[in-house]
Amino acid sequence: AFECPMTFQELRVIGTDHIEHVVIREDSDIPKFVAIKCKTRFEEKVIKFRLPERAVPANFTPKKTKVLCKGTRIAKYFGECEVSTRSVEFSIKLFDCGHFYLKQTLPGSGASPYWVIFEGRYERTEKGLALEYLFRYSWQIAKTRLMPEFALEAVPKDHRSRLAWCGEMSEQLLNGTVPSIVGEDPFCWIEICREPDVVGKGKARFNEEGDDVPAKPEPPAEDEAVSEVRRRATSSRAPAASSNK
């Protein structure tokens, strides 16, 4: 997921039920950990890996630091869509290194917004974008400050979706499915439009996102792409896609 070679010896592997912690040194330790009686009511067991710094830097800052996206940003798409019973803001950034950065925001989460970030690889096709998700993490300022540790979460293998070009203007509108962070369906349907290009974006390696504030830029009045998104938002939406795991 982090696109750099790692050996088992480099990883500190811990199994936990959020109360007890067990060090896992070899494969045979995993079934032993699973067999241990869980001491929490919800009976959840998690295996955690402490990654080397060449995979995730020591100065990693949630939301501000990109792990895979190390090139120049070439496009950004944004939009707000209804998912289940919630309104969710979407932002997808594409980089010339072949990676993407997807941010989902729950705008109704008070003064401390709740974000979920996905990073992965994308492939441009004649019909749109093919996305492969490699990891995710959730973040909220008010809660993260109280957490003893911060974790990047693995996603299922071959966790993929597609976004298709739509509308009359070339590569200005996208619709399709992305992982859902609310509701019961694993994926949700979105429609997003391209943000006008800005000169001088620079490199994205471990940089801060000055353009990631929740407020969305107001496009020019003559921008037909945004007008079409608004028209589509009032029409019926396609059903959410099912997960292929």
Protein backbone atom coordinates (compact mmCIF):
# COMPACT_ATOMS: atom_id res chain seq x y z
CA ALA A 1 0.00 0.00 0.00
CA PHE A 2 2.87 2.40 0.73
CA GLU A 3 4.83 1.44 -2.40
CA CYS A 4 8.18 0.84 -0.71
CA PRO A 5 9.79 -2.52 0.16
CA MET A 6 9.58 -3.59 3.80
CA THR A 7 10.63 -6.73 5.65
CA PHE A 8 8.75 -8.30 8.54
CA GLN A 9 11.74 -7.61 10.79
CA GLU A 10 11.30 -3.86 10.21
CA LEU A 11 7.70 -3.89 11.37
CA ARG A 12 6.67 -3.91 14.98
CA VAL A 13 3.51 -6.03 14.87
CA ILE A 14 1.06 -5.81 17.77
CA GLY A 15 -2.25 -7.59 18.29
CA THR A 16 -4.73 -5.86 20.59
CA ASP A 17 -8.32 -5.96 21.79
CA HIS A 18 -7.86 -2.34 22.93
CA ILE A 19 -6.96 -3.55 26.44
CA GLU A 20 -4.33 -6.28 26.11
CA HIS A 21 -1.38 -6.00 23.69
CA VAL A 22 0.43 -9.03 22.26
CA VAL A 23 3.67 -8.83 20.27
CA ILE A 24 3.50 -10.91 17.07
CA ARG A 25 6.94 -12.08 15.94
CA GLU A 26 6.01 -14.79 13.43
CA ASP A 27 3.00 -16.20 11.57
CA SER A 28 2.32 -18.85 14.22
CA ASP A 29 1.65 -16.11 16.79
CA ILE A 30 -1.44 -14.90 14.90
CA PRO A 31 -3.77 -17.88 15.66
CA LYS A 32 -2.60 -17.75 19.28
CA PHE A 33 -3.61 -14.11 19.46
CA VAL A 34 -6.99 -14.81 17.86
CA ALA A 35 -7.66 -17.59 20.40
CA ILE A 36 -7.15 -15.28 23.39
CA LYS A 37 -10.45 -14.39 25.06
CA CYS A 38 -11.43 -10.82 24.31
CA LYS A 39 -11.79 -8.51 27.31
CA THR A 40 -14.00 -5.91 25.65
CA ARG A 41 -17.77 -6.06 25.20
CA PHE A 42 -17.71 -5.57 21.44
CA GLU A 43 -15.07 -8.33 20.95
CA GLU A 44 -12.95 -6.55 18.37
CA LYS A 45 -9.36 -7.57 17.72
CA VAL A 46 -6.94 -5.50 15.68
CA ILE A 47 -3.45 -6.13 14.31
CA LYS A 48 -1.29 -3.00 14.11
CA PHE A 49 2.00 -2.37 12.32
CA ARG A 50 4.48 0.34 13.18
CA LEU A 51 5.84 1.44 9.80
CA PRO A 52 9.40 2.58 9.05
CA GLU A 53 9.93 6.29 8.45
CA ARG A 54 10.65 5.83 4.75
CA ALA A 55 7.01 4.72 4.36
CA VAL A 56 5.45 7.40 6.59
CA PRO A 57 7.66 10.27 7.83
CA ALA A 58 8.03 10.98 11.53
CA ASN A 59 6.61 14.48 11.02
CA PHE A 60 3.39 13.14 9.46
CA THR A 61 0.54 15.58 10.05
CA PRO A 62 -3.03 14.35 9.40
CA LYS A 63 -4.75 16.07 6.46
CA LYS A 64 -1.70 18.26 5.76
CA THR A 65 0.80 15.53 4.85
CA LYS A 66 0.54 13.43 1.73
CA VAL A 67 2.20 10.02 1.76
CA LEU A 68 1.94 8.78 -1.83
CA CYS A 69 1.25 12.02 -3.73
CA LYS A 70 4.75 13.36 -4.34
CA GLY A 71 4.40 15.02 -7.72
CA THR A 72 2.75 18.17 -9.02
CA ARG A 73 -0.99 18.57 -8.74
CA ILE A 74 -2.57 18.61 -12.19
CA ALA A 75 -6.29 18.76 -11.41
CA LYS A 76 -8.79 19.08 -8.60
CA TYR A 77 -12.48 18.11 -8.66
CA PHE A 78 -15.01 19.00 -5.97
CA GLY A 79 -18.70 18.77 -5.17
CA GLU A 80 -21.29 18.21 -2.47
CA CYS A 81 -23.64 15.21 -2.64
CA GLU A 82 -26.30 13.55 -0.51
CA VAL A 83 -25.11 10.20 0.88
CA SER A 84 -27.66 8.20 2.85
CA THR A 85 -29.20 10.96 5.02
CA ARG A 86 -26.11 13.18 5.17
CA SER A 87 -24.59 15.87 3.00
CA VAL A 88 -20.93 15.11 2.24
CA GLU A 89 -18.34 17.36 0.57
CA PHE A 90 -15.92 15.64 -1.83
CA SER A 91 -12.54 16.77 -3.09
CA ILE A 92 -10.29 14.70 -5.38
CA LYS A 93 -6.80 15.88 -6.34
CA LEU A 94 -4.82 14.23 -9.15
CA PHE A 95 -1.02 14.35 -9.30
CA ASP A 96 1.35 13.74 -12.19
CA CYS A 97 3.01 10.89 -10.24
CA GLY A 98 -0.11 8.80 -10.85
CA HIS A 99 -1.62 9.12 -7.37
CA PHE A 100 -4.79 10.74 -6.08
CA TYR A 101 -5.90 12.28 -2.79
CA LEU A 102 -9.60 11.99 -1.92
CA LYS A 103 -11.00 13.97 1.00
CA GLN A 104 -14.56 13.57 2.28
CA THR A 105 -15.91 16.09 4.78
CA LEU A 106 -19.05 16.06 6.91
CA PRO A 107 -19.88 19.81 6.91
CA GLY A 108 -22.41 19.50 9.73
CA SER A 109 -19.88 18.31 12.30
CA GLY A 110 -19.54 21.65 14.09
CA ALA A 111 -16.50 23.86 14.52
CA SER A 112 -14.23 20.81 14.22
CA PRO A 113 -15.08 19.15 10.87
CA TYR A 114 -14.79 15.40 10.44
CA TRP A 115 -12.62 14.31 7.50
CA VAL A 116 -11.85 10.95 5.93
CA ILE A 117 -8.82 10.85 3.64
CA PHE A 118 -8.06 8.22 0.98
CA GLU A 119 -4.85 7.92 -1.03
CA GLY A 120 -4.22 5.59 -3.95
CA ARG A 121 -3.36 5.20 -7.61
CA TYR A 122 -5.39 6.35 -10.60
CA GLU A 123 -5.38 5.51 -14.29
CA ARG A 124 -6.77 7.89 -16.89
CA THR A 125 -8.89 6.22 -19.59
CA GLU A 126 -10.94 7.44 -22.54
CA LYS A 127 -14.07 7.19 -20.40
CA GLY A 128 -12.76 8.65 -17.16
CA LEU A 129 -10.65 7.62 -14.16
CA ALA A 130 -10.02 4.20 -12.63
CA LEU A 131 -9.21 4.56 -8.92
CA GLU A 132 -7.42 2.04 -6.70
CA TYR A 133 -7.59 2.87 -2.98
CA LEU A 134 -4.52 1.89 -0.93
CA PHE A 135 -5.21 3.27 2.57
CA ARG A 136 -7.42 5.68 4.49
CA TYR A 137 -7.61 7.55 7.76
CA SER A 138 -10.19 9.62 9.61
CA TRP A 139 -9.40 12.82 11.45
CA GLN A 140 -11.09 15.42 13.60
CA ILE A 141 -9.15 18.09 15.47
CA ALA A 142 -11.17 17.93 18.69
CA LYS A 143 -10.93 14.14 19.00
CA THR A 144 -7.48 13.51 17.53
CA ARG A 145 -5.81 15.66 20.20
CA LEU A 146 -7.09 13.23 22.85
CA MET A 147 -5.96 10.08 21.03
CA PRO A 148 -2.82 8.33 22.36
CA GLU A 149 -1.84 7.33 18.80
CA PHE A 150 -2.85 7.92 15.21
CA ALA A 151 -3.38 5.11 12.71
CA LEU A 152 -3.58 4.76 8.95
CA GLU A 153 -6.16 2.11 8.07
CA ALA A 154 -5.73 -0.65 5.50
CA VAL A 155 -8.51 -1.10 2.93
CA PRO A 156 -9.61 -4.40 1.32
CA LYS A 157 -7.39 -5.73 -1.45
CA ASP A 158 -8.38 -4.53 -4.94
CA HIS A 159 -10.56 -1.79 -3.44
CA ARG A 160 -11.44 0.05 -6.66
CA SER A 161 -14.04 2.27 -8.30
CA ARG A 162 -14.50 4.32 -11.48
CA LEU A 163 -15.44 7.88 -12.30
CA ALA A 164 -16.66 8.72 -15.82
CA TRP A 165 -16.37 11.92 -17.84
CA CYS A 166 -19.80 13.45 -18.40
CA GLY A 167 -21.26 16.63 -19.84
CA GLU A 168 -20.38 18.46 -23.03
CA MET A 169 -17.13 20.09 -21.84
CA SER A 170 -14.03 17.90 -21.99
CA GLU A 171 -12.89 16.50 -18.61
CA GLN A 172 -14.81 19.12 -16.62
CA LEU A 173 -17.37 16.83 -14.97
CA LEU A 174 -17.04 13.40 -13.36
CA ASN A 175 -19.63 11.03 -11.95
CA GLY A 176 -19.39 7.55 -10.51
CA THR A 177 -18.76 5.79 -7.21
CA VAL A 178 -16.33 6.27 -4.33
CA PRO A 179 -16.16 4.63 -0.88
CA SER A 180 -18.91 5.84 1.43
CA ILE A 181 -18.15 7.13 4.94
CA VAL A 182 -21.79 7.30 6.07
CA GLY A 183 -24.77 4.98 5.71
CA GLU A 184 -24.71 1.22 5.18
CA ASP A 185 -23.62 0.99 1.53
CA PRO A 186 -19.87 0.57 0.97
CA PHE A 187 -19.90 2.90 -2.06
CA CYS A 188 -21.85 6.03 -2.95
CA TRP A 189 -22.66 7.90 -6.17
CA ILE A 190 -21.16 11.36 -6.66
CA GLU A 191 -21.03 14.11 -9.28
CA ILE A 192 -18.12 16.54 -9.12
CA CYS A 193 -16.76 19.36 -11.29
CA ARG A 194 -13.24 20.53 -12.01
CA GLU A 195 -11.83 23.50 -10.16
CA PRO A 196 -10.33 26.18 -12.43
CA ASP A 197 -6.59 25.61 -12.78
CA VAL A 198 -4.29 27.81 -10.71
CA VAL A 199 -0.77 28.73 -11.81
CA GLY A 200 2.14 27.62 -9.63
CA LYS A 201 0.94 24.66 -7.58
CA GLY A 202 4.44 23.32 -6.81
CA LYS A 203 5.39 19.93 -5.39
CA ALA A 204 3.16 18.04 -2.98
CA ARG A 205 5.70 15.95 -1.09
CA PHE A 206 4.86 16.28 2.60
CA ASN A 207 3.48 19.77 2.09
CA GLU A 208 0.64 21.63 3.73
CA GLU A 209 -2.68 21.97 1.95
CA GLY A 210 -3.33 25.67 1.80
CA ASP A 211 -6.19 25.12 -0.65
CA ASP A 212 -8.03 22.51 1.38
CA VAL A 213 -10.30 24.76 3.39
CA PRO A 214 -13.97 23.57 3.33
CA ALA A 215 -15.16 26.69 1.49
CA LYS A 216 -15.44 25.96 -2.21
CA PRO A 217 -14.32 28.53 -4.79
CA GLU A 218 -17.09 30.28 -6.68
CA PRO A 219 -16.60 29.65 -10.43
CA PRO A 220 -17.23 32.32 -13.07
CA ALA A 221 -20.86 32.88 -14.00
CA GLU A 222 -20.23 31.65 -17.53
CA ASP A 223 -18.86 28.28 -16.33
CA GLU A 224 -21.25 25.82 -17.98
CA ALA A 225 -19.72 22.86 -16.14
CA VAL A 226 -20.83 24.11 -12.72
CA SER A 227 -24.28 24.99 -14.04
CA GLU A 228 -24.66 21.45 -15.33
CA VAL A 229 -23.67 19.99 -11.94
CA ARG A 230 -26.38 22.08 -10.27
CA ARG A 231 -28.95 20.91 -12.79
CA ARG A 232 -27.92 17.32 -12.26
CA ALA A 233 -28.09 17.72 -8.46
CA THR A 234 -31.81 18.38 -8.70
CA SER A 235 -32.43 15.33 -10.84
CA SER A 236 -32.66 11.76 -9.63
CA ARG A 237 -29.38 10.08 -8.66
CA ALA A 238 -28.24 6.62 -9.65
CA PRO A 239 -28.26 3.99 -6.83
CA ALA A 240 -25.05 3.38 -4.87
CA ALA A 241 -22.87 0.61 -6.27
CA SER A 242 -22.23 -2.57 -4.33
CA SER A 243 -18.73 -3.50 -3.09
CA ASN A 244 -16.75 -6.16 -4.92
CA LYS A 245 -14.46 -7.55 -2.31
